[in-house]
Amino acid sequence: MFPYRDDNPTLRTPVVTVGIIALNALVWVFVQQMGTDPALTRSVCEFGLIPGEFLGTIPPGTEVPVGPGASCVLGYGATWATPFTSMFLHGGWLHLLGNMWFLWLFGNNVEDSMGRGRYALFYLLSGLGAAATQTLLSPKSPVPMVGASGAISGVMGAYVVLYPTVRVHMLVVLVVFITRIVVPAYLMLGYWFLIQLVQGAASVGTTGGVAFWAHVGGFLAGAALIFIFRNPVLVAEHRRLAQVYVRGG
């Protein structure tokens, strides 16, 4: 299932959301050279978050493969900034495009409900919550963690708290059969969160793959932080506009 729109109009242009998307795209093009090596491997090794390296649980000089013919030498590159830089890196085109689509779909409304400056801080804190969860649950992992999905999970957690009944339009692909369905946000995002929990539990003790616990941590961080960062006046106006939009549609 893939969400392609929601029945939730915005009050203002989502400047910060657009800026975050642009920043991720610029990093992909100019730092990661659109996924070509050696730039891709170097960026992941130098700016990705490697739990074992960040916590010092891996001996310096440990070499870890990160792709065909590519590896990271660990134990030298982690700094306090690494959890931040890892949020703006991606491992491939589909990774980038999928993340940016979810950010656009849900981020514009969350930004609209708290204001631009507060939203920027909220986004970074959600990303840090995601990174902390993955790092603490896999303290000896040598696998670099990159991607905006942890912070975006926080945006999704905030969205389901703010607008649980807003309709989300989904594209469902079953082998060769394609159809569309409309479900409330709580059902779509609740199902997504359950998948992350199940996959996270199944990934315990493994290396590589998707950082499911980062998604769980980011989602919970966003769902909690929204009570601090939301602007009640903007939320009320946003909900009123959404009801008018639904009646009109």
Protein backbone atom coordinates (compact mmCIF):
# COMPACT_ATOMS: atom_id res chain seq x y z
CA MET A 1 0.00 0.00 0.00
CA PHE A 2 1.26 3.44 -0.94
CA PRO A 3 -0.33 6.75 0.15
CA TYR A 4 -0.59 9.32 -2.61
CA ARG A 5 -2.65 12.13 -1.05
CA ASP A 6 -4.69 13.13 1.97
CA ASP A 7 -7.81 15.25 2.49
CA ASN A 8 -5.97 17.79 4.59
CA PRO A 9 -5.30 21.19 2.98
CA THR A 10 -2.67 23.58 4.32
CA LEU A 11 -3.03 27.11 5.64
CA ARG A 12 0.38 28.35 4.50
CA THR A 13 3.12 27.31 2.11
CA PRO A 14 5.21 24.63 3.89
CA VAL A 15 8.51 26.47 3.50
CA VAL A 16 10.48 24.35 5.98
CA THR A 17 9.24 21.05 4.55
CA VAL A 18 10.21 22.18 1.05
CA GLY A 19 13.57 23.37 2.41
CA ILE A 20 14.29 20.00 4.05
CA ILE A 21 13.42 18.20 0.82
CA ALA A 22 15.70 20.55 -1.13
CA LEU A 23 18.54 20.05 1.36
CA ASN A 24 18.28 16.27 1.10
CA ALA A 25 18.31 16.54 -2.68
CA LEU A 26 21.34 18.84 -2.67
CA VAL A 27 23.26 16.49 -0.38
CA TRP A 28 22.39 13.58 -2.67
CA VAL A 29 23.60 15.44 -5.75
CA PHE A 30 26.69 17.27 -4.49
CA VAL A 31 27.91 15.19 -1.53
CA GLN A 32 26.83 11.70 -2.56
CA GLN A 33 27.22 12.33 -6.29
CA MET A 34 23.78 10.81 -6.98
CA GLY A 35 24.80 7.45 -5.58
CA THR A 36 28.05 6.93 -7.46
CA ASP A 37 31.21 5.65 -5.82
CA PRO A 38 33.53 6.56 -4.25
CA ALA A 39 31.38 9.52 -3.11
CA LEU A 40 28.48 7.35 -1.90
CA THR A 41 30.66 5.04 0.20
CA ARG A 42 32.73 7.90 1.56
CA SER A 43 29.66 9.88 2.61
CA VAL A 44 28.06 6.88 4.32
CA CYS A 45 31.28 6.00 6.16
CA GLU A 46 32.17 9.54 7.20
CA PHE A 47 28.75 11.07 7.89
CA GLY A 48 26.50 8.07 8.57
CA LEU A 49 25.73 7.05 12.15
CA ILE A 50 27.46 3.80 13.09
CA PRO A 51 26.29 2.82 16.60
CA GLY A 52 29.43 0.83 17.51
CA GLU A 53 31.69 3.62 16.32
CA PHE A 54 29.66 6.37 17.99
CA LEU A 55 29.60 4.58 21.36
CA GLY A 56 33.17 3.33 21.09
CA THR A 57 32.19 -0.35 21.33
CA ILE A 58 34.07 -1.24 18.14
CA PRO A 59 37.90 -1.31 18.16
CA PRO A 60 39.42 1.44 15.97
CA GLY A 61 40.53 0.09 12.63
CA THR A 62 37.73 -2.46 12.24
CA GLU A 63 36.83 -2.82 8.57
CA VAL A 64 33.19 -3.42 7.69
CA PRO A 65 31.83 -4.08 4.18
CA VAL A 66 29.05 -1.68 3.17
CA GLY A 67 28.52 -2.78 -0.42
CA PRO A 68 30.09 -4.64 -3.34
CA GLY A 69 33.79 -3.90 -3.14
CA ALA A 70 33.26 -1.10 -0.59
CA SER A 71 33.99 -0.96 3.12
CA CYS A 72 34.30 1.44 6.05
CA VAL A 73 37.24 1.53 8.45
CA LEU A 74 35.57 2.23 11.77
CA GLY A 75 36.58 3.92 14.97
CA TYR A 76 37.77 7.28 13.70
CA GLY A 77 34.95 9.27 12.13
CA ALA A 78 32.12 9.59 14.69
CA THR A 79 31.51 13.04 16.22
CA TRP A 80 28.65 14.75 18.03
CA ALA A 81 27.40 15.96 14.64
CA THR A 82 27.06 12.47 13.14
CA PRO A 83 23.45 11.91 14.30
CA PHE A 84 22.51 15.12 12.49
CA THR A 85 24.44 14.50 9.27
CA SER A 86 23.10 10.97 8.97
CA MET A 87 19.55 12.39 8.63
CA PHE A 88 20.40 13.99 5.29
CA LEU A 89 22.11 11.04 3.60
CA HIS A 90 20.55 8.24 1.56
CA GLY A 91 21.62 4.91 0.17
CA GLY A 92 19.92 5.10 -3.23
CA TRP A 93 17.41 6.84 -5.47
CA LEU A 94 14.40 4.89 -4.21
CA HIS A 95 15.46 5.48 -0.61
CA LEU A 96 15.59 9.23 -1.22
CA LEU A 97 12.42 9.53 -3.30
CA GLY A 98 10.34 7.38 -0.94
CA ASN A 99 11.41 9.36 2.10
CA MET A 100 10.83 12.73 0.46
CA TRP A 101 7.36 11.71 -0.71
CA PHE A 102 6.29 10.72 2.81
CA LEU A 103 7.80 13.93 4.18
CA TRP A 104 5.85 16.03 1.70
CA LEU A 105 2.58 14.14 2.24
CA PHE A 106 2.57 14.41 6.03
CA GLY A 107 5.09 17.15 6.80
CA ASN A 108 3.22 20.04 5.21
CA ASN A 109 0.28 19.63 7.60
CA VAL A 110 2.44 19.12 10.67
CA GLU A 111 4.47 22.24 9.84
CA ASP A 112 1.19 24.09 9.36
CA SER A 113 0.12 23.13 12.87
CA MET A 114 3.09 24.45 14.83
CA GLY A 115 4.78 27.17 12.80
CA ARG A 116 7.97 27.06 10.79
CA GLY A 117 10.68 27.57 13.40
CA ARG A 118 9.14 25.16 15.87
CA TYR A 119 8.67 22.59 13.11
CA ALA A 120 12.36 22.72 12.13
CA LEU A 121 13.39 22.04 15.73
CA PHE A 122 10.72 19.34 16.07
CA TYR A 123 12.02 17.60 12.94
CA LEU A 124 15.61 17.51 14.22
CA LEU A 125 14.58 16.29 17.68
CA SER A 126 12.48 13.52 16.14
CA GLY A 127 15.50 12.47 14.08
CA LEU A 128 17.67 12.44 17.19
CA GLY A 129 15.08 10.32 19.00
CA ALA A 130 15.15 7.85 16.14
CA ALA A 131 18.95 7.72 16.08
CA ALA A 132 19.13 7.27 19.86
CA THR A 133 16.65 4.38 19.78
CA GLN A 134 18.52 2.50 17.05
CA THR A 135 21.90 3.16 18.68
CA LEU A 136 20.86 2.08 22.18
CA LEU A 137 19.18 -1.09 20.93
CA SER A 138 22.13 -2.01 18.69
CA PRO A 139 25.12 -0.55 20.60
CA LYS A 140 27.68 -2.79 18.90
CA SER A 141 26.34 -2.53 15.37
CA PRO A 142 29.00 -1.76 12.74
CA VAL A 143 26.38 -0.91 10.09
CA PRO A 144 26.06 2.76 9.04
CA MET A 145 22.61 4.24 9.51
CA VAL A 146 21.59 6.87 6.97
CA GLY A 147 18.33 8.39 5.85
CA ALA A 148 15.62 10.86 6.79
CA SER A 149 13.12 8.13 7.67
CA GLY A 150 13.66 8.39 11.44
CA ALA A 151 12.81 12.09 11.49
CA ILE A 152 9.95 11.54 9.03
CA SER A 153 8.62 8.82 11.33
CA GLY A 154 8.39 11.55 13.96
CA VAL A 155 6.38 13.67 11.55
CA MET A 156 4.05 10.72 10.98
CA GLY A 157 3.67 10.19 14.73
CA ALA A 158 2.71 13.84 15.13
CA TYR A 159 0.27 13.63 12.23
CA VAL A 160 -1.68 10.71 13.68
CA VAL A 161 -2.01 12.54 17.02
CA LEU A 162 -3.19 15.75 15.35
CA TYR A 163 -5.37 14.37 12.55
CA PRO A 164 -6.29 10.72 13.27
CA THR A 165 -9.48 10.72 11.21
CA VAL A 166 -8.25 12.60 8.13
CA ARG A 167 -8.76 10.48 5.03
CA VAL A 168 -5.62 9.16 3.33
CA HIS A 169 -5.87 7.91 -0.24
CA MET A 170 -3.90 4.72 -0.83
CA LEU A 171 -2.75 2.88 -3.93
CA VAL A 172 -2.91 -0.88 -3.39
CA VAL A 173 -0.90 -3.17 -5.67
CA LEU A 174 -1.62 -6.93 -5.52
CA VAL A 175 0.64 -8.58 -8.11
CA VAL A 176 -1.02 -7.31 -11.31
CA PHE A 177 -4.17 -5.98 -9.68
CA ILE A 178 -4.12 -2.26 -8.77
CA THR A 179 -6.85 -0.44 -6.88
CA ARG A 180 -7.37 2.61 -4.70
CA ILE A 181 -8.77 2.79 -1.18
CA VAL A 182 -9.41 5.60 1.31
CA VAL A 183 -8.69 5.01 5.00
CA PRO A 184 -8.42 7.22 8.10
CA ALA A 185 -4.92 8.30 9.03
CA TYR A 186 -4.95 6.32 12.27
CA LEU A 187 -5.54 3.10 10.35
CA MET A 188 -2.84 3.71 7.74
CA LEU A 189 -0.23 5.01 10.18
CA GLY A 190 -1.17 2.52 12.89
CA TYR A 191 -0.67 -0.33 10.44
CA TRP A 192 2.66 1.15 9.36
CA PHE A 193 3.81 1.45 12.99
CA LEU A 194 2.81 -2.15 13.74
CA ILE A 195 4.87 -3.34 10.78
CA GLN A 196 7.89 -1.47 12.14
CA LEU A 197 7.47 -3.10 15.55
CA VAL A 198 7.16 -6.59 14.10
CA GLN A 199 10.08 -6.12 11.72
CA GLY A 200 12.16 -4.55 14.48
CA ALA A 201 11.58 -7.51 16.78
CA ALA A 202 12.45 -9.90 13.94
CA SER A 203 15.68 -8.00 13.21
CA VAL A 204 17.12 -8.35 16.72
CA GLY A 205 20.56 -9.95 16.50
CA THR A 206 20.90 -9.31 12.75
CA THR A 207 23.06 -6.80 10.91
CA GLY A 208 22.23 -4.68 7.90
CA GLY A 209 18.85 -3.95 6.37
CA VAL A 210 16.33 -1.33 7.45
CA ALA A 211 16.71 0.46 10.80
CA PHE A 212 13.22 -0.46 12.02
CA TRP A 213 13.87 0.61 15.61
CA ALA A 214 14.80 4.06 14.37
CA HIS A 215 11.35 4.26 12.80
CA VAL A 216 9.73 3.14 16.05
CA GLY A 217 11.75 5.60 18.13
CA GLY A 218 11.15 8.48 15.74
CA PHE A 219 7.40 7.81 15.59
CA LEU A 220 7.07 7.71 19.39
CA ALA A 221 9.25 10.80 19.77
CA GLY A 222 7.10 12.74 17.32
CA ALA A 223 3.86 11.56 18.94
CA ALA A 224 5.14 12.80 22.32
CA LEU A 225 6.80 16.03 21.16
CA ILE A 226 3.74 17.24 19.30
CA PHE A 227 2.06 18.02 22.63
CA ILE A 228 4.87 20.49 23.31
CA PHE A 229 5.32 21.93 19.83
CA ARG A 230 1.78 22.22 18.47
CA ASN A 231 0.08 25.60 18.31
CA PRO A 232 -3.53 25.10 19.52
CA VAL A 233 -4.79 28.05 17.48
CA LEU A 234 -3.25 26.73 14.27
CA VAL A 235 -4.44 23.19 14.97
CA ALA A 236 -8.03 24.35 15.51
CA GLU A 237 -7.98 26.40 12.31
CA HIS A 238 -6.43 23.52 10.42
CA ARG A 239 -9.08 21.06 11.61
CA ARG A 240 -11.85 23.50 10.67
CA LEU A 241 -10.39 23.90 7.18
CA ALA A 242 -10.08 20.12 6.79
CA GLN A 243 -13.77 19.67 7.66
CA VAL A 244 -14.78 22.30 5.11
CA TYR A 245 -12.58 20.64 2.53
CA VAL A 246 -14.14 17.22 3.13
CA ARG A 247 -17.70 18.60 2.97
CA GLY A 248 -16.84 20.43 -0.22
CA GLY A 249 -15.23 17.30 -1.73
